[in-house]
Amino acid sequence: MTESAMTTLASPVEGLISVEEAARIMDVTPAYVRRLAQAGRLAGNKVAKEWLFRRSTVEAFDRQRVPDGRSHARRAPASAG
């Protein structure tokens, strides 16, 4: 589905964005966004063959990431001593 078609599809539902827009927000590739969604790490809905995400969910997820792309929740504990 083209991005213009996704925009048309998502327009009636405020705040829903495509994989491509989520990737731009997070400064990652669309393939990485799809992998996050498929793994259940980024909440989204699959409509037909396309993933849609709430903008607020993507922005919150992005705020939780550290610069190398890992989630804060997955950071290894600091070693003692």
C-alpha atoms as a PDB file:
ATOM      1  CA  MET A   1       0.000   0.000   0.000  1.00  0.00           C
ATOM      2  CA  THR A   2       1.389   3.406  -0.906  1.00  0.00           C
ATOM      3  CA  GLU A   3       1.954   6.045   1.728  1.00  0.00           C
ATOM      4  CA  SER A   4      -0.757   8.257   0.232  1.00  0.00           C
ATOM      5  CA  ALA A   5      -3.174   5.335   0.497  1.00  0.00           C
ATOM      6  CA  MET A   6      -2.109   4.813   4.125  1.00  0.00           C
ATOM      7  CA  THR A   7      -2.664   8.491   4.840  1.00  0.00           C
ATOM      8  CA  THR A   8      -6.132   8.254   3.337  1.00  0.00           C
ATOM      9  CA  LEU A   9      -6.846   5.074   5.300  1.00  0.00           C
ATOM     10  CA  ALA A  10      -5.602   6.488   8.604  1.00  0.00           C
ATOM     11  CA  SER A  11      -7.042   9.999   8.265  1.00  0.00           C
ATOM     12  CA  PRO A  12     -10.496   9.227   9.698  1.00  0.00           C
ATOM     13  CA  VAL A  13      -8.858   7.783  12.799  1.00  0.00           C
ATOM     14  CA  GLU A  14      -6.847  10.543  14.430  1.00  0.00           C
ATOM     15  CA  GLY A  15      -3.377   9.661  15.617  1.00  0.00           C
ATOM     16  CA  LEU A  16      -2.834   6.461  13.600  1.00  0.00           C
ATOM     17  CA  ILE A  17       0.375   6.367  11.607  1.00  0.00           C
ATOM     18  CA  SER A  18       2.039   4.000   9.141  1.00  0.00           C
ATOM     19  CA  VAL A  19       5.221   1.965   9.575  1.00  0.00           C
ATOM     20  CA  GLU A  20       7.071   4.555   7.513  1.00  0.00           C
ATOM     21  CA  GLU A  21       5.963   7.453   9.720  1.00  0.00           C
ATOM     22  CA  ALA A  22       6.816   5.477  12.880  1.00  0.00           C
ATOM     23  CA  ALA A  23      10.266   4.799  11.426  1.00  0.00           C
ATOM     24  CA  ARG A  24      10.796   8.524  10.755  1.00  0.00           C
ATOM     25  CA  ILE A  25       9.770   9.411  14.311  1.00  0.00           C
ATOM     26  CA  MET A  26      12.142   6.828  15.799  1.00  0.00           C
ATOM     27  CA  ASP A  27      14.919   7.401  13.211  1.00  0.00           C
ATOM     28  CA  VAL A  28      15.047   3.699  12.335  1.00  0.00           C
ATOM     29  CA  THR A  29      14.166   1.641   9.268  1.00  0.00           C
ATOM     30  CA  PRO A  30      10.610   0.548   8.480  1.00  0.00           C
ATOM     31  CA  ALA A  31      11.834  -3.076   8.647  1.00  0.00           C
ATOM     32  CA  TYR A  32      12.968  -2.519  12.250  1.00  0.00           C
ATOM     33  CA  VAL A  33       9.554  -1.061  13.168  1.00  0.00           C
ATOM     34  CA  ARG A  34       7.861  -4.137  11.661  1.00  0.00           C
ATOM     35  CA  ARG A  35      10.156  -6.448  13.664  1.00  0.00           C
ATOM     36  CA  LEU A  36       9.327  -4.565  16.876  1.00  0.00           C
ATOM     37  CA  ALA A  37       5.608  -4.911  16.153  1.00  0.00           C
ATOM     38  CA  GLN A  38       5.841  -8.591  15.220  1.00  0.00           C
ATOM     39  CA  ALA A  39       7.788  -9.297  18.425  1.00  0.00           C
ATOM     40  CA  GLY A  40       5.168  -7.482  20.493  1.00  0.00           C
ATOM     41  CA  ARG A  41       7.625  -4.836  21.687  1.00  0.00           C
ATOM     42  CA  LEU A  42       5.812  -1.978  19.913  1.00  0.00           C
ATOM     43  CA  ALA A  43       2.020  -2.040  20.175  1.00  0.00           C
ATOM     44  CA  GLY A  44       0.237  -1.733  16.868  1.00  0.00           C
ATOM     45  CA  ASN A  45      -2.585  -3.174  14.806  1.00  0.00           C
ATOM     46  CA  LYS A  46      -2.201  -5.073  11.592  1.00  0.00           C
ATOM     47  CA  VAL A  47      -4.877  -4.051   9.090  1.00  0.00           C
ATOM     48  CA  ALA A  48      -4.782  -6.303   6.028  1.00  0.00           C
ATOM     49  CA  LYS A  49      -1.018  -6.537   5.489  1.00  0.00           C
ATOM     50  CA  GLU A  50      -0.093  -3.154   6.949  1.00  0.00           C
ATOM     51  CA  TRP A  51       0.779  -2.188  10.519  1.00  0.00           C
ATOM     52  CA  LEU A  52      -0.782   0.943  12.027  1.00  0.00           C
ATOM     53  CA  PHE A  53       0.372   2.570  15.253  1.00  0.00           C
ATOM     54  CA  ARG A  54      -0.900   5.275  17.565  1.00  0.00           C
ATOM     55  CA  ARG A  55       1.452   8.233  17.285  1.00  0.00           C
ATOM     56  CA  SER A  56       1.465   8.592  21.084  1.00  0.00           C
ATOM     57  CA  THR A  57       2.557   4.945  21.484  1.00  0.00           C
ATOM     58  CA  VAL A  58       5.438   5.367  19.035  1.00  0.00           C
ATOM     59  CA  GLU A  59       6.563   8.610  20.675  1.00  0.00           C
ATOM     60  CA  ALA A  60       6.459   7.010  24.145  1.00  0.00           C
ATOM     61  CA  PHE A  61       8.412   3.982  22.896  1.00  0.00           C
ATOM     62  CA  ASP A  62      10.988   6.271  21.304  1.00  0.00           C
ATOM     63  CA  ARG A  63      11.464   8.207  24.553  1.00  0.00           C
ATOM     64  CA  GLN A  64      12.258   4.914  26.338  1.00  0.00           C
ATOM     65  CA  ARG A  65      15.046   3.998  23.925  1.00  0.00           C
ATOM     66  CA  VAL A  66      18.715   4.705  24.539  1.00  0.00           C
ATOM     67  CA  PRO A  67      20.830   6.145  21.678  1.00  0.00           C
ATOM     68  CA  ASP A  68      21.925   2.731  20.352  1.00  0.00           C
ATOM     69  CA  GLY A  69      18.270   1.780  19.810  1.00  0.00           C
ATOM     70  CA  ARG A  70      17.844  -0.574  22.766  1.00  0.00           C
ATOM     71  CA  SER A  71      14.938  -0.138  25.131  1.00  0.00           C
ATOM     72  CA  HIS A  72      15.772   1.048  28.672  1.00  0.00           C
ATOM     73  CA  ALA A  73      13.880  -1.991  29.938  1.00  0.00           C
ATOM     74  CA  ARG A  74      16.382  -4.294  28.227  1.00  0.00           C
ATOM     75  CA  ARG A  75      19.546  -2.631  29.520  1.00  0.00           C
ATOM     76  CA  ALA A  76      21.897  -4.927  31.386  1.00  0.00           C
ATOM     77  CA  PRO A  77      22.340  -4.115  35.082  1.00  0.00           C
ATOM     78  CA  ALA A  78      25.516  -2.246  35.984  1.00  0.00           C
ATOM     79  CA  SER A  79      28.222  -4.512  37.324  1.00  0.00           C
ATOM     80  CA  ALA A  80      29.070  -4.200  40.991  1.00  0.00           C
ATOM     81  CA  GLY A  81      32.521  -2.982  41.899  1.00  0.00           C
END
